[in-house]
Amino acid sequence: MRNKYKKEVVVLNRDAMSILIPSGVSTKIPQGTKVTIMQSLGNTFTIAFSGNLARIKAEDADALGKSVENSMEYVMSNAAIKDKVWAQLSTVFDPEIPVNVVELGLIYTCNIEQLENNNFCVIIEMTLTAPGCGMGPVLIEDVKQKILAIPKVDIAKVSIVFDPPWNREMMSDTAKLELGLFY
């Protein structure tokens, strides 16, 4: 198991696609670039390079010389589908804040509908820590992919809402402790 908070300097052993933080713009980082891994949470990596922060997905972990864990291993118990969805949501991390979207209070609703084929449609309403965040589409896609990785889930619908507006009080006590926000 890797240390998710230990900063580590590595040199990319091949080109890697990344998403710049906070703009959400995709960019290719060339092989041989020295990067600092700032955090590795939810099977993604937040890196710093050339004065930028960027996010690298699990499929490019090998460019960093890393491997990723299968987050579904611990989820696949006999828990209800909703429990599986919440467990998967807790593996989606904000790339700037080392806390998952559940603990940050970004997930407003999670509804499950059974389909005619006895599989499921999962409908999520979530928000962002800031309305203009360029990483919004990236987080939406992460949430969709994590939910669709659950067996028997055929459809994942994720929408962003801003009512009510997110604030620090929506974070769990765990998140506040993690970020040192208790006074």
N, C-alpha and C. Protein backbone atom coordinates (compact mmCIF):
# COMPACT_ATOMS: atom_id res chain seq x y z
N MET A 1 0.85 -1.18 0.00
CA MET A 1 0.00 0.00 0.00
C MET A 1 0.89 1.24 0.00
N ARG A 2 0.57 2.21 -0.83
CA ARG A 2 1.41 3.40 -0.93
C ARG A 2 1.01 4.43 0.12
N ASN A 3 1.96 5.30 0.47
CA ASN A 3 1.69 6.39 1.41
C ASN A 3 1.02 7.51 0.63
N LYS A 4 -0.25 7.77 0.92
CA LYS A 4 -1.03 8.70 0.11
C LYS A 4 -0.65 10.16 0.28
N TYR A 5 0.07 10.52 1.35
CA TYR A 5 0.40 11.92 1.60
C TYR A 5 1.88 12.24 1.44
N LYS A 6 2.73 11.25 1.32
CA LYS A 6 4.17 11.48 1.22
C LYS A 6 4.50 12.08 -0.14
N LYS A 7 5.16 13.24 -0.13
CA LYS A 7 5.58 13.85 -1.39
C LYS A 7 6.79 13.07 -1.91
N GLU A 8 6.80 12.87 -3.21
CA GLU A 8 7.86 12.08 -3.82
C GLU A 8 8.19 12.68 -5.18
N VAL A 9 9.47 12.88 -5.46
CA VAL A 9 9.90 13.38 -6.75
C VAL A 9 10.22 12.19 -7.65
N VAL A 10 9.63 12.18 -8.84
CA VAL A 10 9.90 11.12 -9.82
C VAL A 10 10.09 11.76 -11.19
N VAL A 11 10.68 11.00 -12.09
CA VAL A 11 10.83 11.41 -13.49
C VAL A 11 9.92 10.52 -14.32
N LEU A 12 9.08 11.14 -15.15
CA LEU A 12 8.14 10.35 -15.96
C LEU A 12 8.92 9.43 -16.90
N ASN A 13 8.56 8.16 -16.90
CA ASN A 13 9.25 7.20 -17.77
C ASN A 13 8.58 7.08 -19.14
N ARG A 14 7.49 7.80 -19.34
CA ARG A 14 6.82 7.91 -20.64
C ARG A 14 5.92 9.13 -20.59
N ASP A 15 5.44 9.58 -21.75
CA ASP A 15 4.48 10.68 -21.78
C ASP A 15 3.25 10.29 -20.97
N ALA A 16 2.64 11.28 -20.32
CA ALA A 16 1.43 11.01 -19.53
C ALA A 16 0.43 12.14 -19.73
N MET A 17 -0.83 11.76 -19.88
CA MET A 17 -1.90 12.76 -19.96
C MET A 17 -2.24 13.22 -18.54
N SER A 18 -2.53 14.50 -18.42
CA SER A 18 -2.89 15.05 -17.11
C SER A 18 -3.96 16.10 -17.31
N ILE A 19 -4.54 16.52 -16.19
CA ILE A 19 -5.53 17.59 -16.18
C ILE A 19 -5.02 18.66 -15.24
N LEU A 20 -4.83 19.87 -15.78
CA LEU A 20 -4.32 20.97 -14.96
C LEU A 20 -5.35 21.37 -13.91
N ILE A 21 -4.86 21.68 -12.72
CA ILE A 21 -5.70 22.10 -11.60
C ILE A 21 -5.44 23.58 -11.36
N PRO A 22 -6.42 24.43 -11.25
CA PRO A 22 -7.85 24.16 -11.18
C PRO A 22 -8.59 24.33 -12.50
N SER A 23 -7.88 24.62 -13.60
CA SER A 23 -8.56 24.94 -14.86
C SER A 23 -9.30 23.77 -15.49
N GLY A 24 -8.82 22.54 -15.26
CA GLY A 24 -9.46 21.38 -15.86
C GLY A 24 -9.03 21.13 -17.30
N VAL A 25 -7.98 21.82 -17.75
CA VAL A 25 -7.49 21.68 -19.12
C VAL A 25 -6.58 20.45 -19.22
N SER A 26 -6.81 19.63 -20.25
CA SER A 26 -5.97 18.45 -20.48
C SER A 26 -4.64 18.86 -21.08
N THR A 27 -3.58 18.19 -20.65
CA THR A 27 -2.26 18.47 -21.20
C THR A 27 -1.42 17.20 -21.14
N LYS A 28 -0.50 17.08 -22.09
CA LYS A 28 0.41 15.94 -22.09
C LYS A 28 1.72 16.39 -21.47
N ILE A 29 2.20 15.62 -20.50
CA ILE A 29 3.49 15.90 -19.86
C ILE A 29 4.49 14.93 -20.49
N PRO A 30 5.57 15.47 -21.07
CA PRO A 30 6.50 14.61 -21.79
C PRO A 30 7.36 13.72 -20.90
N GLN A 31 7.74 12.59 -21.47
CA GLN A 31 8.68 11.67 -20.82
C GLN A 31 9.92 12.45 -20.40
N GLY A 32 10.47 12.12 -19.24
CA GLY A 32 11.67 12.78 -18.74
C GLY A 32 11.40 13.99 -17.87
N THR A 33 10.13 14.40 -17.77
CA THR A 33 9.78 15.55 -16.92
C THR A 33 9.85 15.14 -15.45
N LYS A 34 10.50 15.99 -14.65
CA LYS A 34 10.57 15.75 -13.21
C LYS A 34 9.29 16.30 -12.59
N VAL A 35 8.58 15.47 -11.83
CA VAL A 35 7.33 15.87 -11.17
C VAL A 35 7.40 15.49 -9.70
N THR A 36 6.63 16.21 -8.89
CA THR A 36 6.50 15.87 -7.48
C THR A 36 5.09 15.34 -7.25
N ILE A 37 5.00 14.11 -6.75
CA ILE A 37 3.69 13.55 -6.41
C ILE A 37 3.28 14.17 -5.08
N MET A 38 2.21 14.97 -5.10
CA MET A 38 1.74 15.68 -3.91
C MET A 38 0.81 14.81 -3.08
N GLN A 39 -0.04 14.02 -3.76
CA GLN A 39 -0.93 13.09 -3.07
C GLN A 39 -1.35 12.01 -4.05
N SER A 40 -1.68 10.86 -3.50
CA SER A 40 -2.19 9.75 -4.32
C SER A 40 -3.39 9.18 -3.59
N LEU A 41 -4.56 9.63 -4.02
CA LEU A 41 -5.81 9.26 -3.36
C LEU A 41 -6.84 8.84 -4.40
N GLY A 42 -7.62 7.82 -4.08
CA GLY A 42 -8.70 7.41 -4.97
C GLY A 42 -8.21 6.93 -6.32
N ASN A 43 -7.02 6.34 -6.36
CA ASN A 43 -6.41 5.85 -7.59
C ASN A 43 -6.10 6.95 -8.59
N THR A 44 -5.90 8.17 -8.11
CA THR A 44 -5.40 9.26 -8.94
C THR A 44 -4.23 9.90 -8.21
N PHE A 45 -3.44 10.66 -8.96
CA PHE A 45 -2.27 11.31 -8.40
C PHE A 45 -2.35 12.81 -8.68
N THR A 46 -2.12 13.62 -7.66
CA THR A 46 -1.97 15.06 -7.86
C THR A 46 -0.48 15.32 -7.86
N ILE A 47 0.00 15.95 -8.94
CA ILE A 47 1.43 16.20 -9.09
C ILE A 47 1.69 17.69 -9.26
N ALA A 48 2.91 18.09 -8.96
CA ALA A 48 3.37 19.45 -9.23
C ALA A 48 4.52 19.34 -10.23
N PHE A 49 4.49 20.22 -11.24
CA PHE A 49 5.58 20.27 -12.22
C PHE A 49 5.60 21.65 -12.85
N SER A 50 6.77 22.19 -13.04
CA SER A 50 6.95 23.49 -13.71
C SER A 50 6.00 24.55 -13.17
N GLY A 51 5.75 24.59 -11.87
CA GLY A 51 4.89 25.59 -11.27
C GLY A 51 3.41 25.32 -11.42
N ASN A 52 3.03 24.16 -11.91
CA ASN A 52 1.62 23.79 -12.10
C ASN A 52 1.24 22.62 -11.21
N LEU A 53 -0.05 22.54 -10.89
CA LEU A 53 -0.61 21.34 -10.27
C LEU A 53 -1.40 20.63 -11.35
N ALA A 54 -1.32 19.30 -11.35
CA ALA A 54 -2.06 18.52 -12.34
C ALA A 54 -2.47 17.20 -11.71
N ARG A 55 -3.41 16.57 -12.37
CA ARG A 55 -3.93 15.29 -11.90
C ARG A 55 -3.66 14.24 -12.96
N ILE A 56 -3.15 13.10 -12.52
CA ILE A 56 -2.89 11.98 -13.42
C ILE A 56 -3.79 10.82 -13.00
N LYS A 57 -4.48 10.24 -13.99
CA LYS A 57 -5.41 9.14 -13.72
C LYS A 57 -4.66 7.82 -13.51
N ALA A 58 -5.39 6.85 -13.00
CA ALA A 58 -4.84 5.53 -12.70
C ALA A 58 -4.19 4.88 -13.92
N GLU A 59 -4.79 5.06 -15.10
CA GLU A 59 -4.24 4.39 -16.28
C GLU A 59 -2.86 4.90 -16.67
N ASP A 60 -2.45 6.05 -16.15
CA ASP A 60 -1.10 6.57 -16.41
C ASP A 60 -0.19 6.46 -15.19
N ALA A 61 -0.60 5.70 -14.19
CA ALA A 61 0.21 5.54 -12.97
C ALA A 61 1.58 4.96 -13.30
N ASP A 62 1.63 4.07 -14.29
CA ASP A 62 2.91 3.46 -14.63
C ASP A 62 3.93 4.48 -15.14
N ALA A 63 3.47 5.59 -15.72
CA ALA A 63 4.39 6.65 -16.16
C ALA A 63 5.12 7.26 -14.97
N LEU A 64 4.49 7.19 -13.79
CA LEU A 64 5.10 7.66 -12.55
C LEU A 64 5.90 6.55 -11.86
N GLY A 65 5.86 5.36 -12.44
CA GLY A 65 6.50 4.21 -11.80
C GLY A 65 5.67 3.65 -10.66
N LYS A 66 4.35 3.89 -10.71
CA LYS A 66 3.44 3.46 -9.65
C LYS A 66 2.41 2.48 -10.18
N SER A 67 1.76 1.80 -9.26
CA SER A 67 0.62 0.96 -9.59
C SER A 67 -0.53 1.43 -8.72
N VAL A 68 -1.74 1.02 -9.07
CA VAL A 68 -2.91 1.44 -8.30
C VAL A 68 -3.63 0.22 -7.76
N GLU A 69 -4.34 0.44 -6.67
CA GLU A 69 -5.12 -0.62 -6.04
C GLU A 69 -6.48 -0.70 -6.69
N ASN A 70 -7.07 -1.86 -6.66
CA ASN A 70 -8.44 -2.03 -7.16
C ASN A 70 -9.39 -1.64 -6.04
N SER A 71 -10.02 -0.47 -6.17
CA SER A 71 -10.88 0.03 -5.10
C SER A 71 -12.15 -0.80 -4.94
N MET A 72 -12.49 -1.64 -5.91
CA MET A 72 -13.70 -2.45 -5.80
C MET A 72 -13.51 -3.64 -4.86
N GLU A 73 -12.27 -4.00 -4.54
CA GLU A 73 -12.04 -5.19 -3.71
C GLU A 73 -12.78 -5.12 -2.39
N TYR A 74 -12.74 -3.97 -1.73
CA TYR A 74 -13.37 -3.88 -0.42
C TYR A 74 -14.86 -3.57 -0.51
N VAL A 75 -15.32 -3.18 -1.68
CA VAL A 75 -16.72 -2.79 -1.84
C VAL A 75 -17.62 -4.01 -2.09
N MET A 76 -17.09 -5.07 -2.63
CA MET A 76 -17.91 -6.16 -3.13
C MET A 76 -18.35 -7.15 -2.05
N SER A 77 -18.91 -6.66 -1.00
CA SER A 77 -19.50 -7.52 0.03
C SER A 77 -20.97 -7.73 -0.32
N ASN A 78 -21.75 -8.22 0.62
CA ASN A 78 -23.18 -8.40 0.40
C ASN A 78 -23.97 -7.15 0.74
N ALA A 79 -23.30 -6.02 0.84
CA ALA A 79 -23.97 -4.77 1.19
C ALA A 79 -24.98 -4.41 0.10
N ALA A 80 -25.98 -3.64 0.50
CA ALA A 80 -26.98 -3.16 -0.46
C ALA A 80 -26.29 -2.30 -1.51
N ILE A 81 -26.91 -2.19 -2.67
CA ILE A 81 -26.32 -1.42 -3.77
C ILE A 81 -26.02 0.01 -3.34
N LYS A 82 -26.88 0.60 -2.52
CA LYS A 82 -26.63 1.98 -2.08
C LYS A 82 -25.36 2.06 -1.24
N ASP A 83 -25.13 1.06 -0.40
CA ASP A 83 -23.90 1.04 0.39
C ASP A 83 -22.68 0.94 -0.52
N LYS A 84 -22.81 0.15 -1.59
CA LYS A 84 -21.71 0.02 -2.54
C LYS A 84 -21.44 1.35 -3.24
N VAL A 85 -22.52 2.05 -3.58
CA VAL A 85 -22.36 3.35 -4.24
C VAL A 85 -21.65 4.32 -3.30
N TRP A 86 -22.09 4.40 -2.05
CA TRP A 86 -21.45 5.31 -1.10
C TRP A 86 -19.99 4.94 -0.86
N ALA A 87 -19.70 3.64 -0.83
CA ALA A 87 -18.31 3.21 -0.67
C ALA A 87 -17.47 3.65 -1.86
N GLN A 88 -18.02 3.53 -3.05
CA GLN A 88 -17.29 3.98 -4.24
C GLN A 88 -17.12 5.50 -4.24
N LEU A 89 -18.17 6.23 -3.86
CA LEU A 89 -18.06 7.69 -3.81
C LEU A 89 -16.95 8.12 -2.86
N SER A 90 -16.74 7.36 -1.81
CA SER A 90 -15.70 7.73 -0.85
C SER A 90 -14.29 7.50 -1.39
N THR A 91 -14.18 6.96 -2.61
CA THR A 91 -12.87 6.81 -3.25
C THR A 91 -12.61 7.90 -4.29
N VAL A 92 -13.52 8.88 -4.39
CA VAL A 92 -13.34 10.01 -5.30
C VAL A 92 -12.84 11.19 -4.47
N PHE A 93 -11.67 11.69 -4.83
CA PHE A 93 -11.04 12.75 -4.05
C PHE A 93 -10.95 14.04 -4.84
N ASP A 94 -11.18 15.15 -4.14
CA ASP A 94 -10.93 16.46 -4.70
C ASP A 94 -9.43 16.55 -4.96
N PRO A 95 -9.01 16.96 -6.17
CA PRO A 95 -7.58 16.98 -6.47
C PRO A 95 -6.80 18.05 -5.71
N GLU A 96 -7.48 19.07 -5.20
CA GLU A 96 -6.78 20.13 -4.46
C GLU A 96 -6.83 19.93 -2.95
N ILE A 97 -7.87 19.25 -2.48
CA ILE A 97 -8.06 19.04 -1.04
C ILE A 97 -8.00 17.54 -0.81
N PRO A 98 -7.10 17.04 0.04
CA PRO A 98 -6.93 15.59 0.18
C PRO A 98 -8.03 14.91 1.00
N VAL A 99 -9.28 15.17 0.61
CA VAL A 99 -10.44 14.61 1.31
C VAL A 99 -11.42 14.14 0.23
N ASN A 100 -12.10 13.02 0.49
CA ASN A 100 -13.03 12.51 -0.53
C ASN A 100 -14.31 13.35 -0.58
N VAL A 101 -15.04 13.20 -1.70
CA VAL A 101 -16.22 14.04 -1.95
C VAL A 101 -17.34 13.80 -0.94
N VAL A 102 -17.40 12.61 -0.35
CA VAL A 102 -18.43 12.33 0.66
C VAL A 102 -18.11 13.11 1.93
N GLU A 103 -16.89 13.00 2.43
CA GLU A 103 -16.49 13.69 3.66
C GLU A 103 -16.50 15.21 3.48
N LEU A 104 -16.25 15.68 2.26
CA LEU A 104 -16.31 17.13 1.99
C LEU A 104 -17.75 17.64 1.99
N GLY A 105 -18.72 16.73 1.91
CA GLY A 105 -20.13 17.15 1.87
C GLY A 105 -20.57 17.59 0.49
N LEU A 106 -19.89 17.11 -0.55
CA LEU A 106 -20.23 17.51 -1.91
C LEU A 106 -21.37 16.69 -2.51
N ILE A 107 -21.68 15.53 -1.92
CA ILE A 107 -22.77 14.69 -2.44
C ILE A 107 -24.06 15.08 -1.71
N TYR A 108 -25.01 15.63 -2.46
CA TYR A 108 -26.27 16.07 -1.86
C TYR A 108 -27.32 14.96 -1.86
N THR A 109 -27.46 14.24 -2.98
CA THR A 109 -28.43 13.14 -3.02
C THR A 109 -27.84 11.95 -3.77
N CYS A 110 -28.31 10.78 -3.37
CA CYS A 110 -27.94 9.53 -4.03
C CYS A 110 -29.20 8.68 -4.10
N ASN A 111 -29.75 8.54 -5.30
CA ASN A 111 -30.96 7.75 -5.48
C ASN A 111 -30.68 6.56 -6.38
N ILE A 112 -31.31 5.45 -6.06
CA ILE A 112 -31.13 4.21 -6.80
C ILE A 112 -32.48 3.82 -7.40
N GLU A 113 -32.49 3.54 -8.70
CA GLU A 113 -33.70 3.04 -9.36
C GLU A 113 -33.40 1.68 -9.97
N GLN A 114 -34.30 0.74 -9.76
CA GLN A 114 -34.12 -0.58 -10.36
C GLN A 114 -34.66 -0.54 -11.78
N LEU A 115 -33.89 -1.09 -12.71
CA LEU A 115 -34.27 -1.13 -14.11
C LEU A 115 -35.05 -2.40 -14.41
N GLU A 116 -35.66 -2.46 -15.58
CA GLU A 116 -36.45 -3.63 -15.98
C GLU A 116 -35.63 -4.91 -15.99
N ASN A 117 -34.33 -4.79 -16.28
CA ASN A 117 -33.46 -5.98 -16.34
C ASN A 117 -32.91 -6.36 -14.96
N ASN A 118 -33.46 -5.74 -13.90
CA ASN A 118 -33.05 -5.95 -12.51
C ASN A 118 -31.68 -5.37 -12.16
N ASN A 119 -31.08 -4.63 -13.09
CA ASN A 119 -29.88 -3.87 -12.77
C ASN A 119 -30.31 -2.50 -12.27
N PHE A 120 -29.35 -1.58 -12.10
CA PHE A 120 -29.68 -0.33 -11.43
C PHE A 120 -29.23 0.90 -12.20
N CYS A 121 -29.95 1.99 -11.94
CA CYS A 121 -29.58 3.33 -12.37
C CYS A 121 -29.31 4.12 -11.09
N VAL A 122 -28.15 4.76 -11.03
CA VAL A 122 -27.78 5.56 -9.86
C VAL A 122 -27.82 7.03 -10.28
N ILE A 123 -28.53 7.84 -9.48
CA ILE A 123 -28.68 9.27 -9.77
C ILE A 123 -28.06 10.05 -8.61
N ILE A 124 -27.06 10.85 -8.94
CA ILE A 124 -26.32 11.62 -7.94
C ILE A 124 -26.50 13.11 -8.22
N GLU A 125 -26.79 13.87 -7.18
CA GLU A 125 -26.70 15.33 -7.24
C GLU A 125 -25.57 15.72 -6.32
N MET A 126 -24.65 16.50 -6.86
CA MET A 126 -23.50 16.92 -6.07
C MET A 126 -23.20 18.38 -6.36
N THR A 127 -22.30 18.94 -5.59
CA THR A 127 -21.90 20.31 -5.78
C THR A 127 -20.39 20.38 -5.83
N LEU A 128 -19.88 21.59 -5.95
CA LEU A 128 -18.44 21.84 -5.96
C LEU A 128 -18.10 22.79 -4.82
N THR A 129 -16.85 22.80 -4.41
CA THR A 129 -16.45 23.72 -3.34
C THR A 129 -16.49 25.17 -3.82
N ALA A 130 -16.37 25.38 -5.14
CA ALA A 130 -16.46 26.72 -5.72
C ALA A 130 -17.19 26.61 -7.06
N PRO A 131 -18.19 27.46 -7.31
CA PRO A 131 -18.99 27.35 -8.53
C PRO A 131 -18.20 27.38 -9.83
N GLY A 132 -17.12 28.14 -9.91
CA GLY A 132 -16.36 28.26 -11.15
C GLY A 132 -15.25 27.25 -11.30
N CYS A 133 -15.22 26.24 -10.48
CA CYS A 133 -14.13 25.26 -10.47
C CYS A 133 -14.03 24.55 -11.82
N GLY A 134 -12.87 24.64 -12.45
CA GLY A 134 -12.64 23.99 -13.73
C GLY A 134 -12.55 22.48 -13.62
N MET A 135 -12.43 21.95 -12.41
CA MET A 135 -12.33 20.51 -12.21
C MET A 135 -13.70 19.85 -12.09
N GLY A 136 -14.78 20.63 -12.16
CA GLY A 136 -16.13 20.08 -12.05
C GLY A 136 -16.40 18.94 -13.01
N PRO A 137 -16.15 19.12 -14.32
CA PRO A 137 -16.39 18.02 -15.26
C PRO A 137 -15.53 16.79 -14.95
N VAL A 138 -14.34 17.00 -14.44
CA VAL A 138 -13.46 15.88 -14.10
C VAL A 138 -14.03 15.10 -12.92
N LEU A 139 -14.50 15.81 -11.89
CA LEU A 139 -15.10 15.13 -10.74
C LEU A 139 -16.37 14.38 -11.14
N ILE A 140 -17.19 14.98 -12.00
CA ILE A 140 -18.40 14.31 -12.48
C ILE A 140 -18.03 12.99 -13.17
N GLU A 141 -17.04 13.04 -14.04
CA GLU A 141 -16.63 11.83 -14.76
C GLU A 141 -16.06 10.79 -13.80
N ASP A 142 -15.29 11.23 -12.81
CA ASP A 142 -14.77 10.29 -11.80
C ASP A 142 -15.90 9.59 -11.07
N VAL A 143 -16.89 10.37 -10.64
CA VAL A 143 -18.03 9.80 -9.92
C VAL A 143 -18.75 8.79 -10.81
N LYS A 144 -19.00 9.15 -12.07
CA LYS A 144 -19.67 8.22 -12.99
C LYS A 144 -18.89 6.93 -13.14
N GLN A 145 -17.60 7.04 -13.39
CA GLN A 145 -16.78 5.84 -13.62
C GLN A 145 -16.72 4.94 -12.39
N LYS A 146 -16.62 5.54 -11.20
CA LYS A 146 -16.59 4.73 -9.98
C LYS A 146 -17.91 3.99 -9.78
N ILE A 147 -19.02 4.68 -10.06
CA ILE A 147 -20.34 4.05 -9.89
C ILE A 147 -20.55 2.95 -10.94
N LEU A 148 -20.15 3.23 -12.18
CA LEU A 148 -20.32 2.23 -13.24
C LEU A 148 -19.43 1.01 -13.05
N ALA A 149 -18.43 1.10 -12.19
CA ALA A 149 -17.57 -0.05 -11.89
C ALA A 149 -18.26 -1.06 -10.98
N ILE A 150 -19.38 -0.66 -10.40
CA ILE A 150 -20.12 -1.56 -9.51
C ILE A 150 -20.94 -2.53 -10.36
N PRO A 151 -20.78 -3.83 -10.12
CA PRO A 151 -21.59 -4.80 -10.87
C PRO A 151 -23.09 -4.51 -10.69
N LYS A 152 -23.83 -4.70 -11.78
CA LYS A 152 -25.28 -4.52 -11.83
C LYS A 152 -25.71 -3.05 -11.92
N VAL A 153 -24.76 -2.12 -11.99
CA VAL A 153 -25.11 -0.72 -12.25
C VAL A 153 -24.89 -0.48 -13.73
N ASP A 154 -25.99 -0.17 -14.44
CA ASP A 154 -25.93 0.07 -15.88
C ASP A 154 -25.84 1.55 -16.23
N ILE A 155 -26.43 2.39 -15.38
CA ILE A 155 -26.52 3.82 -15.69
C ILE A 155 -26.10 4.62 -14.47
N ALA A 156 -25.29 5.65 -14.71
CA ALA A 156 -24.92 6.60 -13.65
C ALA A 156 -25.20 8.00 -14.18
N LYS A 157 -26.12 8.69 -13.53
CA LYS A 157 -26.45 10.07 -13.90
C LYS A 157 -25.94 10.98 -12.78
N VAL A 158 -25.06 11.90 -13.14
CA VAL A 158 -24.47 12.79 -12.14
C VAL A 158 -24.70 14.22 -12.59
N SER A 159 -25.27 15.03 -11.70
CA SER A 159 -25.48 16.44 -12.04
C SER A 159 -24.92 17.32 -10.93
N ILE A 160 -24.50 18.51 -11.34
CA ILE A 160 -23.97 19.51 -10.41
C ILE A 160 -25.10 20.48 -10.07
N VAL A 161 -25.27 20.75 -8.78
CA VAL A 161 -26.25 21.73 -8.31
C VAL A 161 -25.54 22.71 -7.38
N PHE A 162 -26.06 23.90 -7.28
CA PHE A 162 -25.45 24.90 -6.40
C PHE A 162 -26.41 25.44 -5.36
N ASP A 163 -27.52 24.73 -5.17
CA ASP A 163 -28.48 25.13 -4.15
C ASP A 163 -28.73 23.93 -3.24
N PRO A 164 -28.34 23.97 -2.01
CA PRO A 164 -27.73 25.12 -1.34
C PRO A 164 -26.25 25.24 -1.70
N PRO A 165 -25.71 26.46 -1.60
CA PRO A 165 -24.29 26.64 -1.87
C PRO A 165 -23.46 25.87 -0.84
N TRP A 166 -22.37 25.27 -1.29
CA TRP A 166 -21.49 24.53 -0.39
C TRP A 166 -20.79 25.49 0.56
N ASN A 167 -20.59 25.04 1.80
CA ASN A 167 -19.78 25.79 2.76
C ASN A 167 -19.08 24.79 3.68
N ARG A 168 -18.11 25.27 4.44
CA ARG A 168 -17.29 24.40 5.30
C ARG A 168 -18.10 23.60 6.29
N GLU A 169 -19.24 24.10 6.69
CA GLU A 169 -20.06 23.39 7.67
C GLU A 169 -20.64 22.10 7.12
N MET A 170 -20.61 21.92 5.81
CA MET A 170 -21.12 20.69 5.19
C MET A 170 -20.12 19.54 5.29
N MET A 171 -18.88 19.86 5.64
CA MET A 171 -17.87 18.82 5.78
C MET A 171 -18.14 17.99 7.03
N SER A 172 -17.77 16.73 6.96
CA SER A 172 -17.89 15.86 8.13
C SER A 172 -16.84 16.26 9.16
N ASP A 173 -17.04 15.82 10.39
CA ASP A 173 -16.04 16.07 11.42
C ASP A 173 -14.71 15.45 11.04
N THR A 174 -14.76 14.30 10.38
CA THR A 174 -13.53 13.64 9.92
C THR A 174 -12.76 14.54 8.97
N ALA A 175 -13.46 15.15 8.01
CA ALA A 175 -12.81 16.05 7.05
C ALA A 175 -12.24 17.27 7.75
N LYS A 176 -13.00 17.82 8.68
CA LYS A 176 -12.51 18.99 9.41
C LYS A 176 -11.25 18.66 10.20
N LEU A 177 -11.24 17.50 10.83
CA LEU A 177 -10.03 17.07 11.56
C LEU A 177 -8.87 16.88 10.60
N GLU A 178 -9.13 16.24 9.48
CA GLU A 178 -8.09 15.98 8.47
C GLU A 178 -7.46 17.29 7.99
N LEU A 179 -8.29 18.32 7.84
CA LEU A 179 -7.81 19.60 7.32
C LEU A 179 -7.44 20.59 8.41
N GLY A 180 -7.57 20.19 9.67
CA GLY A 180 -7.21 21.07 10.78
C GLY A 180 -8.14 22.26 10.93
N LEU A 181 -9.43 22.07 10.68
CA LEU A 181 -10.38 23.18 10.71
C LEU A 181 -11.18 23.28 12.00
N PHE A 182 -10.87 22.46 13.00
CA PHE A 182 -11.52 22.61 14.30
C PHE A 182 -10.76 23.67 15.09
N TYR A 183 -11.48 24.55 15.70
CA TYR A 183 -10.83 25.63 16.48
C TYR A 183 -10.92 25.31 17.94
